Each structure stands twice: as C-alpha cells, then as structure tokens.
C-alpha atoms as a PDB file:
ATOM      1  CA  UNK A   1       0.000   0.000   0.000  1.00  0.00           C
ATOM      2  CA  UNK A   2       2.810   2.437   0.893  1.00  0.00           C
ATOM      3  CA  UNK A   3       4.576   1.672  -2.403  1.00  0.00           C
ATOM      4  CA  UNK A   4       1.437   2.645  -4.350  1.00  0.00           C
ATOM      5  CA  UNK A   5       1.102   5.927  -2.429  1.00  0.00           C
ATOM      6  CA  UNK A   6       4.772   6.738  -3.032  1.00  0.00           C
ATOM      7  CA  UNK A   7       4.478   5.811  -6.730  1.00  0.00           C
ATOM      8  CA  UNK A   8       1.300   7.875  -7.245  1.00  0.00           C
ATOM      9  CA  UNK A   9       2.830  10.802  -5.361  1.00  0.00           C
ATOM     10  CA  UNK A  10       5.972  10.594  -7.473  1.00  0.00           C
ATOM     11  CA  UNK A  11       3.978  10.485 -10.714  1.00  0.00           C
ATOM     12  CA  UNK A  12       1.858  13.462  -9.619  1.00  0.00           C
ATOM     13  CA  UNK A  13       5.000  15.393  -8.690  1.00  0.00           C
ATOM     14  CA  UNK A  14       6.598  14.693 -12.084  1.00  0.00           C
ATOM     15  CA  UNK A  15       3.414  15.610 -13.990  1.00  0.00           C
ATOM     16  CA  UNK A  16       3.037  18.819 -11.973  1.00  0.00           C
ATOM     17  CA  UNK A  17       6.697  19.689 -12.564  1.00  0.00           C
ATOM     18  CA  UNK A  18       6.350  19.129 -16.319  1.00  0.00           C
ATOM     19  CA  UNK A  19       3.160  21.206 -16.400  1.00  0.00           C
ATOM     20  CA  UNK A  20       4.829  24.111 -14.570  1.00  0.00           C
ATOM     21  CA  UNK A  21       7.952  23.840 -16.747  1.00  0.00           C
ATOM     22  CA  UNK A  22       5.792  23.911 -19.884  1.00  0.00           C
ATOM     23  CA  UNK A  23       3.636  26.812 -18.673  1.00  0.00           C
ATOM     24  CA  UNK A  24       6.802  28.845 -18.000  1.00  0.00           C
ATOM     25  CA  UNK A  25       7.966  28.237 -21.574  1.00  0.00           C
ATOM     26  CA  UNK A  26      10.557  25.584 -20.801  1.00  0.00           C
ATOM     27  CA  UNK A  27       9.690  23.552 -23.894  1.00  0.00           C
ATOM     28  CA  UNK A  28       9.584  26.578 -26.241  1.00  0.00           C
ATOM     29  CA  UNK A  29      11.941  26.264 -29.177  1.00  0.00           C
ATOM     30  CA  UNK A  30      14.686  28.816 -29.600  1.00  0.00           C
ATOM     31  CA  UNK A  31      13.898  30.691 -32.832  1.00  0.00           C
ATOM     32  CA  UNK A  32      16.905  31.387 -35.048  1.00  0.00           C
ATOM     33  CA  UNK A  33      17.008  33.869 -37.895  1.00  0.00           C
ATOM     34  CA  UNK A  34      19.640  35.516 -40.057  1.00  0.00           C
ATOM     35  CA  UNK A  35      19.843  39.202 -40.893  1.00  0.00           C
ATOM     36  CA  UNK A  36      21.926  40.173 -43.923  1.00  0.00           C
ATOM     37  CA  UNK A  37      23.451  43.129 -42.135  1.00  0.00           C
ATOM     38  CA  UNK A  38      23.227  44.582 -38.651  1.00  0.00           C
ATOM     39  CA  UNK A  39      24.840  47.663 -37.181  1.00  0.00           C
ATOM     40  CA  UNK A  40      24.685  47.979 -33.411  1.00  0.00           C
ATOM     41  CA  UNK A  41      25.643  51.191 -31.622  1.00  0.00           C
ATOM     42  CA  UNK A  42      25.359  51.046 -27.850  1.00  0.00           C
ATOM     43  CA  UNK A  43      26.030  53.492 -25.039  1.00  0.00           C
ATOM     44  CA  UNK A  44      26.290  52.483 -21.420  1.00  0.00           C
ATOM     45  CA  UNK A  45      28.656  51.337 -18.737  1.00  0.00           C
ATOM     46  CA  UNK A  46      31.578  48.949 -18.901  1.00  0.00           C
ATOM     47  CA  UNK A  47      32.311  47.000 -15.717  1.00  0.00           C
ATOM     48  CA  UNK A  48      35.230  44.789 -14.764  1.00  0.00           C
ATOM     49  CA  UNK A  49      35.336  43.269 -11.297  1.00  0.00           C
ATOM     50  CA  UNK A  50      33.643  40.694  -9.102  1.00  0.00           C
ATOM     51  CA  UNK A  51      29.881  40.100  -9.313  1.00  0.00           C
ATOM     52  CA  UNK A  52      29.284  41.384  -5.747  1.00  0.00           C
ATOM     53  CA  UNK A  53      30.853  44.788  -6.466  1.00  0.00           C
ATOM     54  CA  UNK A  54      28.226  47.461  -5.883  1.00  0.00           C
ATOM     55  CA  UNK A  55      29.472  49.337  -8.974  1.00  0.00           C
ATOM     56  CA  UNK A  56      27.933  46.587 -11.124  1.00  0.00           C
ATOM     57  CA  UNK A  57      24.541  47.052  -9.471  1.00  0.00           C
ATOM     58  CA  UNK A  58      24.814  50.818  -9.822  1.00  0.00           C
ATOM     59  CA  UNK A  59      25.597  50.471 -13.549  1.00  0.00           C
ATOM     60  CA  UNK A  60      22.543  48.267 -14.101  1.00  0.00           C
ATOM     61  CA  UNK A  61      20.304  50.610 -12.077  1.00  0.00           C
ATOM     62  CA  UNK A  62      21.531  53.663 -13.995  1.00  0.00           C
ATOM     63  CA  UNK A  63      20.850  52.081 -17.393  1.00  0.00           C
ATOM     64  CA  UNK A  64      17.563  50.557 -16.226  1.00  0.00           C
ATOM     65  CA  UNK A  65      16.381  54.016 -15.114  1.00  0.00           C
ATOM     66  CA  UNK A  66      17.037  55.402 -18.604  1.00  0.00           C
ATOM     67  CA  UNK A  67      15.358  52.374 -20.163  1.00  0.00           C
ATOM     68  CA  UNK A  68      12.253  52.926 -18.042  1.00  0.00           C
ATOM     69  CA  UNK A  69      12.014  56.462 -19.428  1.00  0.00           C
ATOM     70  CA  UNK A  70      11.941  54.924 -22.947  1.00  0.00           C
ATOM     71  CA  UNK A  71       9.678  51.831 -22.825  1.00  0.00           C
ATOM     72  CA  UNK A  72      10.480  50.934 -26.436  1.00  0.00           C
ATOM     73  CA  UNK A  73      14.209  50.649 -25.629  1.00  0.00           C
ATOM     74  CA  UNK A  74      15.805  47.281 -24.874  1.00  0.00           C
ATOM     75  CA  UNK A  75      18.575  46.626 -22.372  1.00  0.00           C
ATOM     76  CA  UNK A  76      21.731  45.143 -23.944  1.00  0.00           C
ATOM     77  CA  UNK A  77      24.448  43.223 -22.131  1.00  0.00           C
ATOM     78  CA  UNK A  78      27.712  41.874 -23.460  1.00  0.00           C
ATOM     79  CA  UNK A  79      29.592  39.471 -21.217  1.00  0.00           C
ATOM     80  CA  UNK A  80      33.217  39.562 -22.342  1.00  0.00           C
ATOM     81  CA  UNK A  81      34.264  37.415 -19.377  1.00  0.00           C
ATOM     82  CA  UNK A  82      31.673  35.502 -17.390  1.00  0.00           C
ATOM     83  CA  UNK A  83      32.504  34.641 -13.784  1.00  0.00           C
ATOM     84  CA  UNK A  84      32.773  31.011 -12.769  1.00  0.00           C
ATOM     85  CA  UNK A  85      32.151  31.893  -9.124  1.00  0.00           C
ATOM     86  CA  UNK A  86      31.237  34.741  -6.812  1.00  0.00           C
ATOM     87  CA  UNK A  87      34.808  35.964  -6.439  1.00  0.00           C
ATOM     88  CA  UNK A  88      35.927  35.550 -10.047  1.00  0.00           C
ATOM     89  CA  UNK A  89      36.532  38.587 -12.208  1.00  0.00           C
ATOM     90  CA  UNK A  90      33.894  39.340 -14.780  1.00  0.00           C
ATOM     91  CA  UNK A  91      33.775  41.866 -17.587  1.00  0.00           C
ATOM     92  CA  UNK A  92      30.446  43.114 -18.859  1.00  0.00           C
ATOM     93  CA  UNK A  93      28.979  46.009 -20.807  1.00  0.00           C
ATOM     94  CA  UNK A  94      25.434  47.116 -20.017  1.00  0.00           C
ATOM     95  CA  UNK A  95      23.719  49.695 -22.164  1.00  0.00           C
ATOM     96  CA  UNK A  96      21.037  50.810 -24.570  1.00  0.00           C
ATOM     97  CA  UNK A  97      21.021  51.775 -28.205  1.00  0.00           C
ATOM     98  CA  UNK A  98      22.854  55.098 -28.445  1.00  0.00           C
ATOM     99  CA  UNK A  99      19.766  56.917 -29.720  1.00  0.00           C
ATOM    100  CA  UNK A 100      18.171  56.631 -26.249  1.00  0.00           C
ATOM    101  CA  UNK A 101      21.143  58.028 -24.357  1.00  0.00           C
ATOM    102  CA  UNK A 102      22.058  61.612 -23.480  1.00  0.00           C
ATOM    103  CA  UNK A 103      24.993  62.577 -25.693  1.00  0.00           C
ATOM    104  CA  UNK A 104      26.283  65.024 -23.055  1.00  0.00           C
ATOM    105  CA  UNK A 105      26.944  62.265 -20.493  1.00  0.00           C
ATOM    106  CA  UNK A 106      30.240  60.402 -20.808  1.00  0.00           C
ATOM    107  CA  UNK A 107      28.898  56.929 -21.472  1.00  0.00           C
ATOM    108  CA  UNK A 108      31.096  54.154 -22.798  1.00  0.00           C
ATOM    109  CA  UNK A 109      30.441  53.438 -26.473  1.00  0.00           C
ATOM    110  CA  UNK A 110      30.547  50.115 -28.300  1.00  0.00           C
ATOM    111  CA  UNK A 111      29.718  49.561 -31.944  1.00  0.00           C
ATOM    112  CA  UNK A 112      29.468  46.388 -33.968  1.00  0.00           C
ATOM    113  CA  UNK A 113      28.855  45.866 -37.629  1.00  0.00           C
ATOM    114  CA  UNK A 114      28.431  42.532 -39.292  1.00  0.00           C
ATOM    115  CA  UNK A 115      26.944  40.537 -42.118  1.00  0.00           C
ATOM    116  CA  UNK A 116      24.877  37.383 -41.731  1.00  0.00           C
ATOM    117  CA  UNK A 117      24.049  38.194 -38.136  1.00  0.00           C
ATOM    118  CA  UNK A 118      22.295  35.370 -36.291  1.00  0.00           C
ATOM    119  CA  UNK A 119      19.572  36.230 -33.817  1.00  0.00           C
ATOM    120  CA  UNK A 120      18.267  33.656 -31.349  1.00  0.00           C
ATOM    121  CA  UNK A 121      14.924  34.550 -29.789  1.00  0.00           C
ATOM    122  CA  UNK A 122      14.117  32.912 -26.466  1.00  0.00           C
ATOM    123  CA  UNK A 123      10.603  33.235 -25.052  1.00  0.00           C
ATOM    124  CA  UNK A 124      10.509  31.672 -21.611  1.00  0.00           C
ATOM    125  CA  UNK A 125      10.631  32.585 -17.947  1.00  0.00           C
ATOM    126  CA  UNK A 126      14.193  33.268 -16.828  1.00  0.00           C
ATOM    127  CA  UNK A 127      14.131  30.238 -14.495  1.00  0.00           C
ATOM    128  CA  UNK A 128      13.594  27.863 -17.431  1.00  0.00           C
ATOM    129  CA  UNK A 129      15.559  29.648 -20.163  1.00  0.00           C
ATOM    130  CA  UNK A 130      18.419  27.692 -21.672  1.00  0.00           C
ATOM    131  CA  UNK A 131      21.850  28.625 -20.344  1.00  0.00           C
ATOM    132  CA  UNK A 132      23.953  31.203 -22.211  1.00  0.00           C
ATOM    133  CA  UNK A 133      26.376  28.434 -23.206  1.00  0.00           C
ATOM    134  CA  UNK A 134      23.562  26.371 -24.765  1.00  0.00           C
ATOM    135  CA  UNK A 135      22.367  29.399 -26.743  1.00  0.00           C
ATOM    136  CA  UNK A 136      25.895  30.173 -27.962  1.00  0.00           C
ATOM    137  CA  UNK A 137      26.296  26.546 -29.023  1.00  0.00           C
ATOM    138  CA  UNK A 138      22.940  26.644 -30.863  1.00  0.00           C
ATOM    139  CA  UNK A 139      23.983  29.802 -32.696  1.00  0.00           C
ATOM    140  CA  UNK A 140      27.407  28.343 -33.577  1.00  0.00           C
ATOM    141  CA  UNK A 141      25.857  25.060 -34.769  1.00  0.00           C
ATOM    142  CA  UNK A 142      23.290  26.993 -36.833  1.00  0.00           C
ATOM    143  CA  UNK A 143      26.114  29.012 -38.396  1.00  0.00           C
ATOM    144  CA  UNK A 144      28.075  25.863 -39.269  1.00  0.00           C
ATOM    145  CA  UNK A 145      25.002  24.081 -40.672  1.00  0.00           C
ATOM    146  CA  UNK A 146      24.154  27.070 -42.872  1.00  0.00           C
ATOM    147  CA  UNK A 147      27.711  27.936 -43.961  1.00  0.00           C
ATOM    148  CA  UNK A 148      27.611  31.233 -42.102  1.00  0.00           C
ATOM    149  CA  UNK A 149      30.505  32.887 -40.262  1.00  0.00           C
ATOM    150  CA  UNK A 150      30.905  31.833 -36.630  1.00  0.00           C
ATOM    151  CA  UNK A 151      30.067  34.853 -34.425  1.00  0.00           C
ATOM    152  CA  UNK A 152      32.794  36.602 -32.430  1.00  0.00           C
ATOM    153  CA  UNK A 153      30.478  38.524 -30.096  1.00  0.00           C
ATOM    154  CA  UNK A 154      27.183  37.619 -28.422  1.00  0.00           C
ATOM    155  CA  UNK A 155      24.935  40.466 -27.325  1.00  0.00           C
ATOM    156  CA  UNK A 156      21.965  39.821 -25.045  1.00  0.00           C
ATOM    157  CA  UNK A 157      19.061  42.101 -25.914  1.00  0.00           C
ATOM    158  CA  UNK A 158      16.507  41.908 -23.108  1.00  0.00           C
ATOM    159  CA  UNK A 159      13.129  42.604 -24.671  1.00  0.00           C
ATOM    160  CA  UNK A 160      11.084  41.809 -21.573  1.00  0.00           C
ATOM    161  CA  UNK A 161      11.066  39.593 -18.486  1.00  0.00           C
ATOM    162  CA  UNK A 162      10.213  36.526 -20.597  1.00  0.00           C
ATOM    163  CA  UNK A 163      11.892  37.373 -23.901  1.00  0.00           C
ATOM    164  CA  UNK A 164      15.550  37.720 -24.814  1.00  0.00           C
ATOM    165  CA  UNK A 165      17.283  38.017 -28.170  1.00  0.00           C
ATOM    166  CA  UNK A 166      20.868  36.822 -28.361  1.00  0.00           C
ATOM    167  CA  UNK A 167      22.619  38.478 -31.268  1.00  0.00           C
ATOM    168  CA  UNK A 168      25.622  36.581 -32.637  1.00  0.00           C
ATOM    169  CA  UNK A 169      27.761  38.804 -34.810  1.00  0.00           C
ATOM    170  CA  UNK A 170      30.945  38.150 -36.757  1.00  0.00           C
ATOM    171  CA  UNK A 171      32.921  41.349 -36.660  1.00  0.00           C
ATOM    172  CA  UNK A 172      33.711  43.004 -39.979  1.00  0.00           C
ATOM    173  CA  UNK A 173      37.379  43.913 -40.192  1.00  0.00           C
END
C-alpha cells in the first residue's frame, strides 16, 4: 500500500513539474534567424570586477532608469568574461542603443557591424531559459550548418522579463 502511495505521489510530482515547466515556456523552441546586415551602436557602462561589487549594481540601475524612461528601448548586455564563481573577475557592458542616451553624459560606447548576423529569440521565464552556453552553441551550430561565419560577439538584448534576443555577430574587419 505504501509503495502505491509513493508511486502515485511521485507520478503526480513529475506531472506537476512538467506542467509548470511547460507553462513557464521551458519547452519553447529557440527561434533562429539571419539578418543580412546589422549595425549595433550602444552606449552604457563597462564594468570589470567581481559580481558582488556594488558598482555593477549601480551600472545596471543607472541604465535601467534610462530604459524605463523609454519603454520601447531594450537593455543590452555583453559578457566579455563571465565569472565562474562569486569571487571571479567578470567583464560586462550594459547599455542601450545610443539613440536613447544623453549625448552630453560620458557613457562608454561600443559599436558592432556585421553581415549574416544570427539572432536567437528565447521566449521563456528566466528560471527555465536555456543557459547562455547552450544558446551560444545553438547559434554556432546553426552558423556551421548554414555555412555562415561563426560569431565573435554575443549580445543579449533583453526585450522583456520573458523574452531575450541573443545576437551573434561576426565582426567586420
């Protein structure tokens, strides 16, 4: 009798978990598309340090405040070096398209230009989104399968709380 209760409870737990995972978008496919050409001009803050540094939080808050003043703007992040742990050094750029930023403030500028830019669109709750490494691998595999250049830079464009575009761009030299 106890085995049946445990088995039924386990099955209900698994079914509930799958239902919640699905309702949060966990089974949504990552959509991949190619743009012939993409120019990206961003203004924001560059940060290098440990993830707990308050300067990182301040940079995000500053850019988020500007973004909130322009609801059609999208937050962009570029992780040049991702930390493996809490005390590892990371390097990140956080910003918006330059057109949304005050030209009189000394923001850091980054610009990218590329052909055959690959954009991966992820629509899922952040708790069930694929990891950044999985998305990079999907973009790289898509590039190889379609004889496209392998991207050098990956830019996260945060559209909303449940939608992110990852832009893979091969730099034009």
